[in-house]
Amino acid sequence: MALTDSDKRLKRTPDNDRDTMKAKAERVLVADVNQSVLNLSKAAGFKDYDLDTIRTITDNPTLTQHELDAIKTGTITEPTGKFKKDK
């Protein structure tokens, strides 16, 4: 239930702020893979590492199992998300 003031207008709260809701709607989910993960993927035995080990070695706590599987299959070959370099 939204909060209203005495004039029965909606108050601007974090739950009903139009700008915030618009930003959430426009947000696109992107994989966060850094270069150190890609460098490690070229090492012998990389496919035997589990997700927690790779997160620890590469200092990338945002890496997910789905992203790791994509790196192992060769789908992701360059840094993405917040690690992608702007051109």
C-alpha atoms as a PDB file:
ATOM      1  CA  MET A   1       0.000   0.000   0.000  1.00  0.00           C
ATOM      2  CA  ALA A   2       1.417   3.352  -1.004  1.00  0.00           C
ATOM      3  CA  LEU A   3       1.644   6.217   1.461  1.00  0.00           C
ATOM      4  CA  THR A   4      -0.457   9.282   0.822  1.00  0.00           C
ATOM      5  CA  ASP A   5      -0.362  12.745   2.294  1.00  0.00           C
ATOM      6  CA  SER A   6      -3.344  14.824   3.429  1.00  0.00           C
ATOM      7  CA  ASP A   7      -4.181  15.765  -0.177  1.00  0.00           C
ATOM      8  CA  LYS A   8      -4.426  12.066  -1.120  1.00  0.00           C
ATOM      9  CA  ARG A   9      -1.411  12.369  -3.411  1.00  0.00           C
ATOM     10  CA  LEU A  10       1.219   9.686  -3.426  1.00  0.00           C
ATOM     11  CA  LYS A  11       4.299  10.555  -1.439  1.00  0.00           C
ATOM     12  CA  ARG A  12       7.640  10.044  -3.135  1.00  0.00           C
ATOM     13  CA  THR A  13       9.043   7.071  -1.350  1.00  0.00           C
ATOM     14  CA  PRO A  14      11.610   4.576  -2.589  1.00  0.00           C
ATOM     15  CA  ASP A  15       8.772   2.147  -3.320  1.00  0.00           C
ATOM     16  CA  ASN A  16       6.824   4.421  -5.656  1.00  0.00           C
ATOM     17  CA  ASP A  17       9.463   6.769  -7.065  1.00  0.00           C
ATOM     18  CA  ARG A  18       8.886   6.905 -10.833  1.00  0.00           C
ATOM     19  CA  ASP A  19      12.534   7.568 -11.682  1.00  0.00           C
ATOM     20  CA  THR A  20      13.680   4.579  -9.670  1.00  0.00           C
ATOM     21  CA  MET A  21      11.054   2.321 -11.204  1.00  0.00           C
ATOM     22  CA  LYS A  22      11.976   3.474 -14.709  1.00  0.00           C
ATOM     23  CA  ALA A  23      15.651   2.788 -14.034  1.00  0.00           C
ATOM     24  CA  LYS A  24      14.818  -0.703 -12.788  1.00  0.00           C
ATOM     25  CA  ALA A  25      12.772  -1.382 -15.921  1.00  0.00           C
ATOM     26  CA  GLU A  26      15.612  -0.262 -18.207  1.00  0.00           C
ATOM     27  CA  ARG A  27      18.291  -2.202 -16.360  1.00  0.00           C
ATOM     28  CA  VAL A  28      19.875  -4.951 -18.422  1.00  0.00           C
ATOM     29  CA  LEU A  29      21.600  -7.888 -16.802  1.00  0.00           C
ATOM     30  CA  VAL A  30      25.139  -8.350 -18.097  1.00  0.00           C
ATOM     31  CA  ALA A  31      27.757 -10.908 -17.188  1.00  0.00           C
ATOM     32  CA  ASP A  32      30.657  -9.553 -15.110  1.00  0.00           C
ATOM     33  CA  VAL A  33      33.766 -11.337 -16.360  1.00  0.00           C
ATOM     34  CA  ASN A  34      37.179  -9.746 -15.832  1.00  0.00           C
ATOM     35  CA  GLN A  35      40.405 -10.337 -17.746  1.00  0.00           C
ATOM     36  CA  SER A  36      41.979 -12.370 -14.951  1.00  0.00           C
ATOM     37  CA  VAL A  37      39.256 -15.019 -15.280  1.00  0.00           C
ATOM     38  CA  LEU A  38      39.875 -15.201 -19.020  1.00  0.00           C
ATOM     39  CA  ASN A  39      43.634 -15.493 -18.480  1.00  0.00           C
ATOM     40  CA  LEU A  40      43.081 -18.269 -15.960  1.00  0.00           C
ATOM     41  CA  SER A  41      40.808 -20.065 -18.434  1.00  0.00           C
ATOM     42  CA  LYS A  42      43.837 -20.639 -20.666  1.00  0.00           C
ATOM     43  CA  ALA A  43      45.684 -22.477 -17.884  1.00  0.00           C
ATOM     44  CA  ALA A  44      45.933 -26.238 -17.823  1.00  0.00           C
ATOM     45  CA  GLY A  45      43.292 -27.791 -15.590  1.00  0.00           C
ATOM     46  CA  PHE A  46      40.967 -24.773 -15.646  1.00  0.00           C
ATOM     47  CA  LYS A  47      37.941 -26.955 -16.347  1.00  0.00           C
ATOM     48  CA  ASP A  48      38.568 -28.816 -13.076  1.00  0.00           C
ATOM     49  CA  TYR A  49      38.255 -25.662 -10.916  1.00  0.00           C
ATOM     50  CA  ASP A  50      34.972 -24.969  -9.160  1.00  0.00           C
ATOM     51  CA  LEU A  51      33.258 -21.586  -8.897  1.00  0.00           C
ATOM     52  CA  ASP A  52      34.492 -20.734  -5.383  1.00  0.00           C
ATOM     53  CA  THR A  53      38.103 -21.456  -6.303  1.00  0.00           C
ATOM     54  CA  ILE A  54      37.964 -19.240  -9.378  1.00  0.00           C
ATOM     55  CA  ARG A  55      36.275 -16.432  -7.431  1.00  0.00           C
ATOM     56  CA  THR A  56      39.083 -16.575  -4.867  1.00  0.00           C
ATOM     57  CA  ILE A  57      41.952 -16.746  -7.358  1.00  0.00           C
ATOM     58  CA  THR A  58      40.677 -13.977  -9.642  1.00  0.00           C
ATOM     59  CA  ASP A  59      39.152 -11.716  -6.955  1.00  0.00           C
ATOM     60  CA  ASN A  60      35.849 -11.568  -8.857  1.00  0.00           C
ATOM     61  CA  PRO A  61      33.023 -12.173  -6.353  1.00  0.00           C
ATOM     62  CA  THR A  62      30.327 -11.368  -8.953  1.00  0.00           C
ATOM     63  CA  LEU A  63      31.151 -14.352 -11.172  1.00  0.00           C
ATOM     64  CA  THR A  64      28.230 -16.786 -11.438  1.00  0.00           C
ATOM     65  CA  GLN A  65      28.094 -20.452 -12.359  1.00  0.00           C
ATOM     66  CA  HIS A  66      26.357 -19.606 -15.637  1.00  0.00           C
ATOM     67  CA  GLU A  67      29.169 -17.218 -16.600  1.00  0.00           C
ATOM     68  CA  LEU A  68      31.782 -19.791 -15.630  1.00  0.00           C
ATOM     69  CA  ASP A  69      30.106 -22.408 -17.815  1.00  0.00           C
ATOM     70  CA  ALA A  70      30.045 -19.920 -20.720  1.00  0.00           C
ATOM     71  CA  ILE A  71      33.779 -19.279 -20.294  1.00  0.00           C
ATOM     72  CA  LYS A  72      34.513 -23.003 -20.227  1.00  0.00           C
ATOM     73  CA  THR A  73      32.532 -23.576 -23.443  1.00  0.00           C
ATOM     74  CA  GLY A  74      34.134 -20.571 -25.146  1.00  0.00           C
ATOM     75  CA  THR A  75      30.998 -18.425 -25.409  1.00  0.00           C
ATOM     76  CA  ILE A  76      32.555 -15.560 -23.409  1.00  0.00           C
ATOM     77  CA  THR A  77      35.971 -14.571 -24.778  1.00  0.00           C
ATOM     78  CA  GLU A  78      36.437 -10.980 -23.599  1.00  0.00           C
ATOM     79  CA  PRO A  79      35.731  -8.931 -20.449  1.00  0.00           C
ATOM     80  CA  THR A  80      32.077  -8.034 -20.013  1.00  0.00           C
ATOM     81  CA  GLY A  81      29.818  -5.967 -17.767  1.00  0.00           C
ATOM     82  CA  LYS A  82      31.529  -3.614 -15.351  1.00  0.00           C
ATOM     83  CA  PHE A  83      34.947  -4.940 -16.455  1.00  0.00           C
ATOM     84  CA  LYS A  84      34.429  -4.090 -20.135  1.00  0.00           C
ATOM     85  CA  LYS A  85      36.653  -1.268 -21.345  1.00  0.00           C
ATOM     86  CA  ASP A  86      34.877   1.691 -22.859  1.00  0.00           C
ATOM     87  CA  LYS A  87      36.030   2.535 -26.361  1.00  0.00           C
END
